Amino acid sequence: QVQLAESGGGSVQAGSSLRLSCVFSGGTAASYHMAWFRRAPGKDREFVAAINWKGDVTDTVDSEKGRFTISRDNAKSTMYLQMNNLKPDDTAVYYCAARFWSLPLVQSPKLYAFFGQGTQVTVSP
């Protein structure tokens, strides 16, 4: 069974950087597209970024382009989200997700089969 484990969250001040990691286990990471989602208090889960199985195609929500960078290392079965110049509005639980490689790379969380438990990111002014 595929399992995803996020780490790297924390409490930081605005303007800081964090790098989130997501370790894939229970299968072959290179057989899955992967993505990051986040859920802020009182809001629905929203798409942040996605990366295809090979790592050569990415999709980032327009509002975060230039601040957030998604990447992966299939040899380490790990995906990353580099977040720079963090803002209080970035406060949320961040989740990684996986979707089989033969399916399209998408933004809808409903179309991802596997999710991790999440890691909390809190940004203070």
PDB file of N, CA and C in Angstrom:
ATOM      1  N   GLN A   1       0.838  -1.193   0.000  1.00  0.00           N
ATOM      2  CA  GLN A   1       0.000   0.000   0.000  1.00  0.00           C
ATOM      3  C   GLN A   1       0.877   1.247   0.000  1.00  0.00           C
ATOM      4  N   VAL A   2       0.561   2.163  -0.894  1.00  0.00           N
ATOM      5  CA  VAL A   2       1.322   3.399  -0.992  1.00  0.00           C
ATOM      6  C   VAL A   2       1.128   4.223   0.278  1.00  0.00           C
ATOM      7  N   GLN A   3       2.200   4.749   0.789  1.00  0.00           N
ATOM      8  CA  GLN A   3       2.144   5.642   1.943  1.00  0.00           C
ATOM      9  C   GLN A   3       3.008   6.866   1.657  1.00  0.00           C
ATOM     10  N   LEU A   4       2.535   8.015   2.119  1.00  0.00           N
ATOM     11  CA  LEU A   4       3.238   9.273   1.930  1.00  0.00           C
ATOM     12  C   LEU A   4       3.457   9.923   3.288  1.00  0.00           C
ATOM     13  N   ALA A   5       4.647  10.436   3.512  1.00  0.00           N
ATOM     14  CA  ALA A   5       4.964  11.033   4.808  1.00  0.00           C
ATOM     15  C   ALA A   5       5.624  12.391   4.602  1.00  0.00           C
ATOM     16  N   GLU A   6       4.927  13.435   5.033  1.00  0.00           N
ATOM     17  CA  GLU A   6       5.447  14.789   4.898  1.00  0.00           C
ATOM     18  C   GLU A   6       6.284  15.176   6.116  1.00  0.00           C
ATOM     19  N   SER A   7       7.207  16.074   5.894  1.00  0.00           N
ATOM     20  CA  SER A   7       7.996  16.647   6.981  1.00  0.00           C
ATOM     21  C   SER A   7       8.511  18.012   6.541  1.00  0.00           C
ATOM     22  N   GLY A   8       9.068  18.758   7.486  1.00  0.00           N
ATOM     23  CA  GLY A   8       9.679  20.038   7.156  1.00  0.00           C
ATOM     24  C   GLY A   8       8.864  21.258   7.527  1.00  0.00           C
ATOM     25  N   GLY A   9       7.637  21.049   8.008  1.00  0.00           N
ATOM     26  CA  GLY A   9       6.839  22.192   8.418  1.00  0.00           C
ATOM     27  C   GLY A   9       7.379  22.820   9.701  1.00  0.00           C
ATOM     28  N   GLY A  10       6.784  23.926  10.092  1.00  0.00           N
ATOM     29  CA  GLY A  10       7.196  24.594  11.312  1.00  0.00           C
ATOM     30  C   GLY A  10       6.586  25.967  11.451  1.00  0.00           C
ATOM     31  N   SER A  11       7.019  26.678  12.468  1.00  0.00           N
ATOM     32  CA  SER A  11       6.557  28.043  12.717  1.00  0.00           C
ATOM     33  C   SER A  11       7.691  29.011  12.384  1.00  0.00           C
ATOM     34  N   VAL A  12       7.424  29.904  11.455  1.00  0.00           N
ATOM     35  CA  VAL A  12       8.443  30.842  11.000  1.00  0.00           C
ATOM     36  C   VAL A  12       7.848  32.245  10.886  1.00  0.00           C
ATOM     37  N   GLN A  13       8.729  33.212  10.716  1.00  0.00           N
ATOM     38  CA  GLN A  13       8.270  34.587  10.519  1.00  0.00           C
ATOM     39  C   GLN A  13       8.127  34.873   9.027  1.00  0.00           C
ATOM     40  N   ALA A  14       7.302  35.844   8.721  1.00  0.00           N
ATOM     41  CA  ALA A  14       7.112  36.261   7.329  1.00  0.00           C
ATOM     42  C   ALA A  14       8.465  36.603   6.705  1.00  0.00           C
ATOM     43  N   GLY A  15       8.620  36.202   5.458  1.00  0.00           N
ATOM     44  CA  GLY A  15       9.868  36.434   4.750  1.00  0.00           C
ATOM     45  C   GLY A  15      10.833  35.274   4.815  1.00  0.00           C
ATOM     46  N   SER A  16      10.551  34.299   5.673  1.00  0.00           N
ATOM     47  CA  SER A  16      11.413  33.130   5.827  1.00  0.00           C
ATOM     48  C   SER A  16      11.169  32.110   4.718  1.00  0.00           C
ATOM     49  N   SER A  17      11.996  31.078   4.715  1.00  0.00           N
ATOM     50  CA  SER A  17      11.864  29.987   3.762  1.00  0.00           C
ATOM     51  C   SER A  17      11.729  28.663   4.501  1.00  0.00           C
ATOM     52  N   LEU A  18      11.056  27.731   3.880  1.00  0.00           N
ATOM     53  CA  LEU A  18      10.948  26.361   4.365  1.00  0.00           C
ATOM     54  C   LEU A  18      11.033  25.429   3.167  1.00  0.00           C
ATOM     55  N   ARG A  19      11.561  24.233   3.410  1.00  0.00           N
ATOM     56  CA  ARG A  19      11.503  23.179   2.399  1.00  0.00           C
ATOM     57  C   ARG A  19      10.780  21.990   2.983  1.00  0.00           C
ATOM     58  N   LEU A  20       9.650  21.669   2.371  1.00  0.00           N
ATOM     59  CA  LEU A  20       8.881  20.500   2.759  1.00  0.00           C
ATOM     60  C   LEU A  20       9.361  19.292   1.972  1.00  0.00           C
ATOM     61  N   SER A  21       9.302  18.134   2.616  1.00  0.00           N
ATOM     62  CA  SER A  21       9.658  16.874   1.970  1.00  0.00           C
ATOM     63  C   SER A  21       8.496  15.907   2.086  1.00  0.00           C
ATOM     64  N   CYS A  22       8.388  15.030   1.108  1.00  0.00           N
ATOM     65  CA  CYS A  22       7.371  13.980   1.126  1.00  0.00           C
ATOM     66  C   CYS A  22       8.051  12.686   0.686  1.00  0.00           C
ATOM     67  N   VAL A  23       8.101  11.737   1.595  1.00  0.00           N
ATOM     68  CA  VAL A  23       8.718  10.451   1.286  1.00  0.00           C
ATOM     69  C   VAL A  23       7.640   9.461   0.871  1.00  0.00           C
ATOM     70  N   PHE A  24       7.864   8.817  -0.267  1.00  0.00           N
ATOM     71  CA  PHE A  24       6.943   7.840  -0.853  1.00  0.00           C
ATOM     72  C   PHE A  24       7.417   6.439  -0.475  1.00  0.00           C
ATOM     73  N   SER A  25       6.497   5.577  -0.040  1.00  0.00           N
ATOM     74  CA  SER A  25       6.843   4.189   0.246  1.00  0.00           C
ATOM     75  C   SER A  25       5.688   3.277  -0.149  1.00  0.00           C
ATOM     76  N   GLY A  26       5.973   1.984  -0.242  1.00  0.00           N
ATOM     77  CA  GLY A  26       4.942   1.023  -0.583  1.00  0.00           C
ATOM     78  C   GLY A  26       4.730   0.845  -2.067  1.00  0.00           C
ATOM     79  N   GLY A  27       5.656   1.306  -2.859  1.00  0.00           N
ATOM     80  CA  GLY A  27       5.550   1.183  -4.300  1.00  0.00           C
ATOM     81  C   GLY A  27       6.738   1.851  -4.957  1.00  0.00           C
ATOM     82  N   THR A  28       6.613   2.108  -6.248  1.00  0.00           N
ATOM     83  CA  THR A  28       7.682   2.764  -6.992  1.00  0.00           C
ATOM     84  C   THR A  28       7.306   4.219  -7.214  1.00  0.00           C
ATOM     85  N   ALA A  29       8.058   5.114  -6.607  1.00  0.00           N
ATOM     86  CA  ALA A  29       7.719   6.542  -6.698  1.00  0.00           C
ATOM     87  C   ALA A  29       7.635   7.018  -8.141  1.00  0.00           C
ATOM     88  N   ALA A  30       8.502   6.479  -8.976  1.00  0.00           N
ATOM     89  CA  ALA A  30       8.540   6.917 -10.369  1.00  0.00           C
ATOM     90  C   ALA A  30       7.320   6.471 -11.169  1.00  0.00           C
ATOM     91  N   SER A  31       6.441   5.719 -10.561  1.00  0.00           N
ATOM     92  CA  SER A  31       5.196   5.313 -11.218  1.00  0.00           C
ATOM     93  C   SER A  31       4.047   6.270 -10.921  1.00  0.00           C
ATOM     94  N   TYR A  32       4.353   7.350 -10.225  1.00  0.00           N
ATOM     95  CA  TYR A  32       3.292   8.262  -9.802  1.00  0.00           C
ATOM     96  C   TYR A  32       3.647   9.720 -10.041  1.00  0.00           C
ATOM     97  N   HIS A  33       2.645  10.461 -10.521  1.00  0.00           N
ATOM     98  CA  HIS A  33       2.725  11.911 -10.432  1.00  0.00           C
ATOM     99  C   HIS A  33       2.531  12.255  -8.950  1.00  0.00           C
ATOM    100  N   MET A  34       3.069  13.396  -8.526  1.00  0.00           N
ATOM    101  CA  MET A  34       2.900  13.805  -7.144  1.00  0.00           C
ATOM    102  C   MET A  34       2.552  15.275  -7.078  1.00  0.00           C
ATOM    103  N   ALA A  35       1.942  15.662  -5.968  1.00  0.00           N
ATOM    104  CA  ALA A  35       1.471  17.037  -5.849  1.00  0.00           C
ATOM    105  C   ALA A  35       1.467  17.484  -4.388  1.00  0.00           C
ATOM    106  N   TRP A  36       1.402  18.789  -4.224  1.00  0.00           N
ATOM    107  CA  TRP A  36       1.212  19.402  -2.914  1.00  0.00           C
ATOM    108  C   TRP A  36      -0.120  20.130  -2.888  1.00  0.00           C
ATOM    109  N   PHE A  37      -0.838  19.952  -1.802  1.00  0.00           N
ATOM    110  CA  PHE A  37      -2.060  20.688  -1.533  1.00  0.00           C
ATOM    111  C   PHE A  37      -1.920  21.318  -0.153  1.00  0.00           C
ATOM    112  N   ARG A  38      -2.790  22.258   0.153  1.00  0.00           N
ATOM    113  CA  ARG A  38      -2.790  22.836   1.499  1.00  0.00           C
ATOM    114  C   ARG A  38      -4.215  23.164   1.907  1.00  0.00           C
ATOM    115  N   ARG A  39      -4.420  23.144   3.217  1.00  0.00           N
ATOM    116  CA  ARG A  39      -5.721  23.512   3.770  1.00  0.00           C
ATOM    117  C   ARG A  39      -5.497  24.509   4.887  1.00  0.00           C
ATOM    118  N   ALA A  40      -5.952  25.731   4.642  1.00  0.00           N
ATOM    119  CA  ALA A  40      -5.876  26.775   5.659  1.00  0.00           C
ATOM    120  C   ALA A  40      -7.090  26.657   6.578  1.00  0.00           C
ATOM    121  N   PRO A  41      -7.011  27.185   7.797  1.00  0.00           N
ATOM    122  CA  PRO A  41      -8.140  27.103   8.728  1.00  0.00           C
ATOM    123  C   PRO A  41      -9.423  27.657   8.115  1.00  0.00           C
ATOM    124  N   GLY A  42     -10.480  26.864   8.158  1.00  0.00           N
ATOM    125  CA  GLY A  42     -11.768  27.302   7.658  1.00  0.00           C
ATOM    126  C   GLY A  42     -11.923  27.306   6.149  1.00  0.00           C
ATOM    127  N   LYS A  43     -10.932  26.758   5.441  1.00  0.00           N
ATOM    128  CA  LYS A  43     -10.989  26.755   3.974  1.00  0.00           C
ATOM    129  C   LYS A  43     -10.897  25.336   3.428  1.00  0.00           C
ATOM    130  N   ASP A  44     -11.255  25.190   2.172  1.00  0.00           N
ATOM    131  CA  ASP A  44     -11.135  23.894   1.506  1.00  0.00           C
ATOM    132  C   ASP A  44      -9.671  23.618   1.152  1.00  0.00           C
ATOM    133  N   ARG A  45      -9.384  22.345   0.920  1.00  0.00           N
ATOM    134  CA  ARG A  45      -8.054  21.976   0.459  1.00  0.00           C
ATOM    135  C   ARG A  45      -7.838  22.577  -0.928  1.00  0.00           C
ATOM    136  N   GLU A  46      -6.678  23.191  -1.148  1.00  0.00           N
ATOM    137  CA  GLU A  46      -6.409  23.817  -2.432  1.00  0.00           C
ATOM    138  C   GLU A  46      -5.095  23.319  -3.023  1.00  0.00           C
ATOM    139  N   PHE A  47      -5.048  23.336  -4.325  1.00  0.00           N
ATOM    140  CA  PHE A  47      -3.864  22.904  -5.079  1.00  0.00           C
ATOM    141  C   PHE A  47      -2.741  23.913  -4.905  1.00  0.00           C
ATOM    142  N   VAL A  48      -1.518  23.399  -4.755  1.00  0.00           N
ATOM    143  CA  VAL A  48      -0.341  24.255  -4.690  1.00  0.00           C
ATOM    144  C   VAL A  48       0.568  24.011  -5.893  1.00  0.00           C
ATOM    145  N   ALA A  49       0.964  22.760  -6.105  1.00  0.00           N
ATOM    146  CA  ALA A  49       1.875  22.437  -7.204  1.00  0.00           C
ATOM    147  C   ALA A  49       1.847  20.939  -7.459  1.00  0.00           C
ATOM    148  N   ALA A  50       2.195  20.564  -8.686  1.00  0.00           N
ATOM    149  CA  ALA A  50       2.258  19.155  -9.062  1.00  0.00           C
ATOM    150  C   ALA A  50       3.479  18.924  -9.940  1.00  0.00           C
ATOM    151  N   ILE A  51       3.944  17.683  -9.956  1.00  0.00           N
ATOM    152  CA  ILE A  51       5.107  17.323 -10.766  1.00  0.00           C
ATOM    153  C   ILE A  51       4.856  15.944 -11.355  1.00  0.00           C
ATOM    154  N   ASN A  52       5.230  15.775 -12.622  1.00  0.00           N
ATOM    155  CA  ASN A  52       4.957  14.489 -13.259  1.00  0.00           C
ATOM    156  C   ASN A  52       5.929  13.422 -12.768  1.00  0.00           C
ATOM    157  N   TRP A  53       5.678  12.184 -13.174  1.00  0.00           N
ATOM    158  CA  TRP A  53       6.434  11.054 -12.638  1.00  0.00           C
ATOM    159  C   TRP A  53       7.922  11.170 -12.927  1.00  0.00           C
ATOM    160  N   LYS A  54       8.255  11.764 -14.072  1.00  0.00           N
ATOM    161  CA  LYS A  54       9.655  11.853 -14.450  1.00  0.00           C
ATOM    162  C   LYS A  54      10.352  13.054 -13.805  1.00  0.00           C
ATOM    163  N   GLY A  55       9.569  14.054 -13.448  1.00  0.00           N
ATOM    164  CA  GLY A  55      10.148  15.249 -12.848  1.00  0.00           C
ATOM    165  C   GLY A  55      10.463  16.344 -13.824  1.00  0.00           C
ATOM    166  N   ASP A  56      10.028  16.210 -15.080  1.00  0.00           N
ATOM    167  CA  ASP A  56      10.367  17.225 -16.072  1.00  0.00           C
ATOM    168  C   ASP A  56       9.190  18.111 -16.455  1.00  0.00           C
ATOM    169  N   VAL A  57       8.051  17.879 -15.834  1.00  0.00           N
ATOM    170  CA  VAL A  57       6.888  18.735 -16.063  1.00  0.00           C
ATOM    171  C   VAL A  57       6.315  19.134 -14.708  1.00  0.00           C
ATOM    172  N   THR A  58       6.121  20.422 -14.506  1.00  0.00           N
ATOM    173  CA  THR A  58       5.547  20.899 -13.246  1.00  0.00           C
ATOM    174  C   THR A  58       4.385  21.840 -13.526  1.00  0.00           C
ATOM    175  N   ASP A  59       3.555  21.992 -12.528  1.00  0.00           N
ATOM    176  CA  ASP A  59       2.415  22.902 -12.593  1.00  0.00           C
ATOM    177  C   ASP A  59       2.298  23.544 -11.217  1.00  0.00           C
ATOM    178  N   THR A  60       2.333  24.856 -11.168  1.00  0.00           N
ATOM    179  CA  THR A  60       2.244  25.586  -9.911  1.00  0.00           C
ATOM    180  C   THR A  60       1.103  26.583  -9.986  1.00  0.00           C
ATOM    181  N   VAL A  61       0.343  26.700  -8.926  1.00  0.00           N
ATOM    182  CA  VAL A  61      -0.770  27.652  -8.906  1.00  0.00           C
ATOM    183  C   VAL A  61      -0.213  29.049  -9.173  1.00  0.00           C
ATOM    184  N   ASP A  62      -0.911  29.816  -9.954  1.00  0.00           N
ATOM    185  CA  ASP A  62      -0.417  31.113 -10.412  1.00  0.00           C
ATOM    186  C   ASP A  62       0.014  32.014  -9.263  1.00  0.00           C
ATOM    187  N   SER A  63      -0.737  31.985  -8.171  1.00  0.00           N
ATOM    188  CA  SER A  63      -0.463  32.894  -7.056  1.00  0.00           C
ATOM    189  C   SER A  63       0.867  32.613  -6.363  1.00  0.00           C
ATOM    190  N   GLU A  64       1.421  31.399  -6.579  1.00  0.00           N
ATOM    191  CA  GLU A  64       2.672  31.028  -5.908  1.00  0.00           C
ATOM    192  C   GLU A  64       3.861  30.915  -6.849  1.00  0.00           C
ATOM    193  N   LYS A  65       3.625  31.120  -8.118  1.00  0.00           N
ATOM    194  CA  LYS A  65       4.742  31.060  -9.057  1.00  0.00           C
ATOM    195  C   LYS A  65       5.764  32.131  -8.695  1.00  0.00           C
ATOM    196  N   GLY A  66       7.015  31.742  -8.663  1.00  0.00           N
ATOM    197  CA  GLY A  66       8.079  32.658  -8.278  1.00  0.00           C
ATOM    198  C   GLY A  66       8.460  32.547  -6.813  1.00  0.00           C
ATOM    199  N   ARG A  67       7.575  32.002  -5.984  1.00  0.00           N
ATOM    200  CA  ARG A  67       7.893  31.795  -4.561  1.00  0.00           C
ATOM    201  C   ARG A  67       8.060  30.322  -4.213  1.00  0.00           C
ATOM    202  N   PHE A  68       7.220  29.461  -4.799  1.00  0.00           N
ATOM    203  CA  PHE A  68       7.234  28.031  -4.488  1.00  0.00           C
ATOM    204  C   PHE A  68       7.806  27.250  -5.669  1.00  0.00           C
ATOM    205  N   THR A  69       8.653  26.269  -5.356  1.00  0.00           N
ATOM    206  CA  THR A  69       9.231  25.410  -6.378  1.00  0.00           C
ATOM    207  C   THR A  69       9.071  23.955  -5.977  1.00  0.00           C
ATOM    208  N   ILE A  70       8.468  23.170  -6.864  1.00  0.00           N
ATOM    209  CA  ILE A  70       8.296  21.751  -6.612  1.00  0.00           C
ATOM    210  C   ILE A  70       9.396  20.984  -7.348  1.00  0.00           C
ATOM    211  N   SER A  71       9.872  19.913  -6.727  1.00  0.00           N
ATOM    212  CA  SER A  71      10.887  19.065  -7.354  1.00  0.00           C
ATOM    213  C   SER A  71      10.772  17.665  -6.775  1.00  0.00           C
ATOM    214  N   ARG A  72      11.499  16.730  -7.366  1.00  0.00           N
ATOM    215  CA  ARG A  72      11.488  15.364  -6.854  1.00  0.00           C
ATOM    216  C   ARG A  72      12.812  14.690  -7.149  1.00  0.00           C
ATOM    217  N   ASP A  73      13.106  13.679  -6.353  1.00  0.00           N
ATOM    218  CA  ASP A  73      14.286  12.833  -6.544  1.00  0.00           C
ATOM    219  C   ASP A  73      13.793  11.403  -6.454  1.00  0.00           C
ATOM    220  N   ASN A  74      13.564  10.788  -7.600  1.00  0.00           N
ATOM    221  CA  ASN A  74      13.013   9.428  -7.605  1.00  0.00           C
ATOM    222  C   ASN A  74      13.975   8.411  -6.997  1.00  0.00           C
ATOM    223  N   ALA A  75      15.255   8.665  -7.063  1.00  0.00           N
ATOM    224  CA  ALA A  75      16.227   7.755  -6.452  1.00  0.00           C
ATOM    225  C   ALA A  75      16.047   7.713  -4.933  1.00  0.00           C
ATOM    226  N   LYS A  76      15.533   8.817  -4.379  1.00  0.00           N
ATOM    227  CA  LYS A  76      15.282   8.889  -2.939  1.00  0.00           C
ATOM    228  C   LYS A  76      13.806   8.752  -2.601  1.00  0.00           C
ATOM    229  N   SER A  77      12.996   8.538  -3.637  1.00  0.00           N
ATOM    230  CA  SER A  77      11.534   8.420  -3.448  1.00  0.00           C
ATOM    231  C   SER A  77      10.989   9.603  -2.658  1.00  0.00           C
ATOM    232  N   THR A  78      11.472  10.774  -2.990  1.00  0.00           N
ATOM    233  CA  THR A  78      11.126  11.963  -2.226  1.00  0.00           C
ATOM    234  C   THR A  78      10.757  13.128  -3.146  1.00  0.00           C
ATOM    235  N   MET A  79       9.744  13.853  -2.746  1.00  0.00           N
ATOM    236  CA  MET A  79       9.325  15.072  -3.429  1.00  0.00           C
ATOM    237  C   MET A  79       9.529  16.237  -2.471  1.00  0.00           C
ATOM    238  N   TYR A  80       9.783  17.408  -3.042  1.00  0.00           N
ATOM    239  CA  TYR A  80      10.061  18.587  -2.221  1.00  0.00           C
ATOM    240  C   TYR A  80       9.179  19.764  -2.633  1.00  0.00           C
ATOM    241  N   LEU A  81       8.992  20.680  -1.692  1.00  0.00           N
ATOM    242  CA  LEU A  81       8.386  21.968  -2.007  1.00  0.00           C
ATOM    243  C   LEU A  81       9.227  23.032  -1.321  1.00  0.00           C
ATOM    244  N   GLN A  82       9.961  23.789  -2.118  1.00  0.00           N
ATOM    245  CA  GLN A  82      10.743  24.907  -1.599  1.00  0.00           C
ATOM    246  C   GLN A  82       9.844  26.130  -1.560  1.00  0.00           C
ATOM    247  N   MET A  83       9.683  26.699  -0.384  1.00  0.00           N
ATOM    248  CA  MET A  83       8.811  27.852  -0.211  1.00  0.00           C
ATOM    249  C   MET A  83       9.644  29.030   0.291  1.00  0.00           C
ATOM    250  N   ASN A  84       9.669  30.096  -0.493  1.00  0.00           N
ATOM    251  CA  ASN A  84      10.447  31.285  -0.154  1.00  0.00           C
ATOM    252  C   ASN A  84       9.536  32.468   0.134  1.00  0.00           C
ATOM    253  N   ASN A  85      10.074  33.453   0.843  1.00  0.00           N
ATOM    254  CA  ASN A  85       9.334  34.677   1.157  1.00  0.00           C
ATOM    255  C   ASN A  85       7.931  34.356   1.677  1.00  0.00           C
ATOM    256  N   LEU A  86       7.878  33.530   2.693  1.00  0.00           N
ATOM    257  CA  LEU A  86       6.590  33.074   3.221  1.00  0.00           C
ATOM    258  C   LEU A  86       5.788  34.229   3.801  1.00  0.00           C
ATOM    259  N   LYS A  87       4.478  34.118   3.649  1.00  0.00           N
ATOM    260  CA  LYS A  87       3.532  35.132   4.110  1.00  0.00           C
ATOM    261  C   LYS A  87       2.556  34.507   5.102  1.00  0.00           C
ATOM    262  N   PRO A  88       1.953  35.316   5.963  1.00  0.00           N
ATOM    263  CA  PRO A  88       0.958  34.752   6.900  1.00  0.00           C
ATOM    264  C   PRO A  88      -0.153  33.976   6.189  1.00  0.00           C
ATOM    265  N   ASP A  89      -0.521  34.387   4.992  1.00  0.00           N
ATOM    266  CA  ASP A  89      -1.566  33.678   4.234  1.00  0.00           C
ATOM    267  C   ASP A  89      -1.140  32.282   3.814  1.00  0.00           C
ATOM    268  N   ASP A  90       0.140  31.956   3.936  1.00  0.00           N
ATOM    269  CA  ASP A  90       0.613  30.614   3.618  1.00  0.00           C
ATOM    270  C   ASP A  90       0.380  29.642   4.762  1.00  0.00           C
ATOM    271  N   THR A  91      -0.070  30.142   5.906  1.00  0.00           N
ATOM    272  CA  THR A  91      -0.346  29.284   7.052  1.00  0.00           C
ATOM    273  C   THR A  91      -1.409  28.256   6.693  1.00  0.00           C
ATOM    274  N   ALA A  92      -1.062  26.980   6.858  1.00  0.00           N
ATOM    275  CA  ALA A  92      -1.953  25.889   6.463  1.00  0.00           C
ATOM    276  C   ALA A  92      -1.295  24.564   6.828  1.00  0.00           C
ATOM    277  N   VAL A  93      -2.079  23.506   6.719  1.00  0.00           N
ATOM    278  CA  VAL A  93      -1.523  22.154   6.733  1.00  0.00           C
ATOM    279  C   VAL A  93      -1.238  21.795   5.277  1.00  0.00           C
ATOM    280  N   TYR A  94      -0.029  21.369   5.019  1.00  0.00           N
ATOM    281  CA  TYR A  94       0.405  21.022   3.662  1.00  0.00           C
ATOM    282  C   TYR A  94       0.422  19.494   3.522  1.00  0.00           C
ATOM    283  N   TYR A  95      -0.206  19.026   2.443  1.00  0.00           N
ATOM    284  CA  TYR A  95      -0.331  17.595   2.186  1.00  0.00           C
ATOM    285  C   TYR A  95       0.335  17.251   0.863  1.00  0.00           C
ATOM    286  N   CYS A  96       0.976  16.089   0.824  1.00  0.00           N
ATOM    287  CA  CYS A  96       1.426  15.593  -0.467  1.00  0.00           C
ATOM    288  C   CYS A  96       0.458  14.502  -0.931  1.00  0.00           C
ATOM    289  N   ALA A  97       0.431  14.301  -2.229  1.00  0.00           N
ATOM    290  CA  ALA A  97      -0.505  13.364  -2.833  1.00  0.00           C
ATOM    291  C   ALA A  97       0.133  12.680  -4.029  1.00  0.00           C
ATOM    292  N   ALA A  98      -0.409  11.514  -4.403  1.00  0.00           N
ATOM    293  CA  ALA A  98       0.127  10.755  -5.520  1.00  0.00           C
ATOM    294  C   ALA A  98      -0.991  10.273  -6.434  1.00  0.00           C
ATOM    295  N   ARG A  99      -0.681  10.223  -7.732  1.00  0.00           N
ATOM    296  CA  ARG A  99      -1.646   9.823  -8.773  1.00  0.00           C
ATOM    297  C   ARG A  99      -0.865   9.009  -9.801  1.00  0.00           C
ATOM    298  N   PHE A 100      -1.420   7.899 -10.234  1.00  0.00           N
ATOM    299  CA  PHE A 100      -0.709   6.989 -11.121  1.00  0.00           C
ATOM    300  C   PHE A 100      -0.220   7.695 -12.390  1.00  0.00           C
ATOM    301  N   TRP A 101       0.955   7.326 -12.866  1.00  0.00           N
ATOM    302  CA  TRP A 101       1.631   8.061 -13.924  1.00  0.00           C
ATOM    303  C   TRP A 101       0.894   8.096 -15.252  1.00  0.00           C
ATOM    304  N   SER A 102       0.085   7.065 -15.539  1.00  0.00           N
ATOM    305  CA  SER A 102      -0.569   6.985 -16.842  1.00  0.00           C
ATOM    306  C   SER A 102      -1.759   7.934 -16.949  1.00  0.00           C
ATOM    307  N   LEU A 103      -2.154   8.527 -15.841  1.00  0.00           N
ATOM    308  CA  LEU A 103      -3.268   9.476 -15.838  1.00  0.00           C
ATOM    309  C   LEU A 103      -2.717  10.889 -16.028  1.00  0.00           C
ATOM    310  N   PRO A 104      -3.542  11.816 -16.455  1.00  0.00           N
ATOM    311  CA  PRO A 104      -3.044  13.186 -16.650  1.00  0.00           C
ATOM    312  C   PRO A 104      -2.607  13.839 -15.349  1.00  0.00           C
ATOM    313  N   LEU A 105      -1.703  14.795 -15.454  1.00  0.00           N
ATOM    314  CA  LEU A 105      -1.310  15.607 -14.307  1.00  0.00           C
ATOM    315  C   LEU A 105      -2.414  16.637 -14.081  1.00  0.00           C
ATOM    316  N   VAL A 106      -3.019  16.651 -12.903  1.00  0.00           N
ATOM    317  CA  VAL A 106      -4.193  17.482 -12.663  1.00  0.00           C
ATOM    318  C   VAL A 106      -4.056  18.262 -11.365  1.00  0.00           C
ATOM    319  N   GLN A 107      -4.983  19.208 -11.163  1.00  0.00           N
ATOM    320  CA  GLN A 107      -4.974  20.037  -9.962  1.00  0.00           C
ATOM    321  C   GLN A 107      -6.026  19.635  -8.933  1.00  0.00           C
ATOM    322  N   SER A 108      -7.015  18.851  -9.333  1.00  0.00           N
ATOM    323  CA  SER A 108      -8.108  18.526  -8.421  1.00  0.00           C
ATOM    324  C   SER A 108      -7.681  17.491  -7.397  1.00  0.00           C
ATOM    325  N   PRO A 109      -7.840  17.788  -6.098  1.00  0.00           N
ATOM    326  CA  PRO A 109      -7.466  16.809  -5.075  1.00  0.00           C
ATOM    327  C   PRO A 109      -8.320  15.553  -5.141  1.00  0.00           C
ATOM    328  N   LYS A 110      -9.520  15.665  -5.701  1.00  0.00           N
ATOM    329  CA  LYS A 110     -10.416  14.510  -5.785  1.00  0.00           C
ATOM    330  C   LYS A 110      -9.868  13.427  -6.699  1.00  0.00           C
ATOM    331  N   LEU A 111      -8.915  13.793  -7.552  1.00  0.00           N
ATOM    332  CA  LEU A 111      -8.389  12.852  -8.543  1.00  0.00           C
ATOM    333  C   LEU A 111      -7.069  12.223  -8.118  1.00  0.00           C
ATOM    334  N   TYR A 112      -6.631  12.494  -6.897  1.00  0.00           N
ATOM    335  CA  TYR A 112      -5.418  11.872  -6.368  1.00  0.00           C
ATOM    336  C   TYR A 112      -5.829  10.734  -5.429  1.00  0.00           C
ATOM    337  N   ALA A 113      -5.179   9.603  -5.604  1.00  0.00           N
ATOM    338  CA  ALA A 113      -5.585   8.396  -4.889  1.00  0.00           C
ATOM    339  C   ALA A 113      -5.007   8.320  -3.476  1.00  0.00           C
ATOM    340  N   PHE A 114      -3.846   8.930  -3.272  1.00  0.00           N
ATOM    341  CA  PHE A 114      -3.160   8.783  -2.000  1.00  0.00           C
ATOM    342  C   PHE A 114      -2.764  10.154  -1.452  1.00  0.00           C
ATOM    343  N   PHE A 115      -2.929  10.306  -0.142  1.00  0.00           N
ATOM    344  CA  PHE A 115      -2.541  11.522   0.566  1.00  0.00           C
ATOM    345  C   PHE A 115      -1.748  11.162   1.816  1.00  0.00           C
ATOM    346  N   GLY A 116      -0.844  12.057   2.192  1.00  0.00           N
ATOM    347  CA  GLY A 116      -0.165  11.928   3.470  1.00  0.00           C
ATOM    348  C   GLY A 116      -0.990  12.553   4.582  1.00  0.00           C
ATOM    349  N   GLN A 117      -0.439  12.534   5.797  1.00  0.00           N
ATOM    350  CA  GLN A 117      -1.141  13.059   6.959  1.00  0.00           C
ATOM    351  C   GLN A 117      -1.003  14.566   7.096  1.00  0.00           C
ATOM    352  N   GLY A 118      -0.050  15.146   6.423  1.00  0.00           N
ATOM    353  CA  GLY A 118       0.096  16.594   6.442  1.00  0.00           C
ATOM    354  C   GLY A 118       1.160  17.088   7.403  1.00  0.00           C
ATOM    355  N   THR A 119       1.672  18.273   7.110  1.00  0.00           N
ATOM    356  CA  THR A 119       2.631  18.936   7.981  1.00  0.00           C
ATOM    357  C   THR A 119       2.209  20.395   8.126  1.00  0.00           C
ATOM    358  N   GLN A 120       2.229  20.895   9.350  1.00  0.00           N
ATOM    359  CA  GLN A 120       1.732  22.239   9.636  1.00  0.00           C
ATOM    360  C   GLN A 120       2.797  23.286   9.323  1.00  0.00           C
ATOM    361  N   VAL A 121       2.373  24.313   8.612  1.00  0.00           N
ATOM    362  CA  VAL A 121       3.210  25.488   8.368  1.00  0.00           C
ATOM    363  C   VAL A 121       2.494  26.694   8.954  1.00  0.00           C
ATOM    364  N   THR A 122       3.153  27.398   9.836  1.00  0.00           N
ATOM    365  CA  THR A 122       2.583  28.582  10.460  1.00  0.00           C
ATOM    366  C   THR A 122       3.530  29.757  10.245  1.00  0.00           C
ATOM    367  N   VAL A 123       3.005  30.815   9.642  1.00  0.00           N
ATOM    368  CA  VAL A 123       3.820  31.989   9.332  1.00  0.00           C
ATOM    369  C   VAL A 123       3.270  33.174  10.117  1.00  0.00           C
ATOM    370  N   SER A 124       4.083  33.747  10.957  1.00  0.00           N
ATOM    371  CA  SER A 124       3.663  34.892  11.755  1.00  0.00           C
ATOM    372  C   SER A 124       4.143  36.187  11.096  1.00  0.00           C
ATOM    373  N   PRO A 125       3.400  37.289  11.326  1.00  0.00           N
ATOM    374  CA  PRO A 125       3.763  38.569  10.677  1.00  0.00           C
ATOM    375  C   PRO A 125       5.148  39.053  11.096  1.00  0.00           C
TER     376      PRO A 125
END
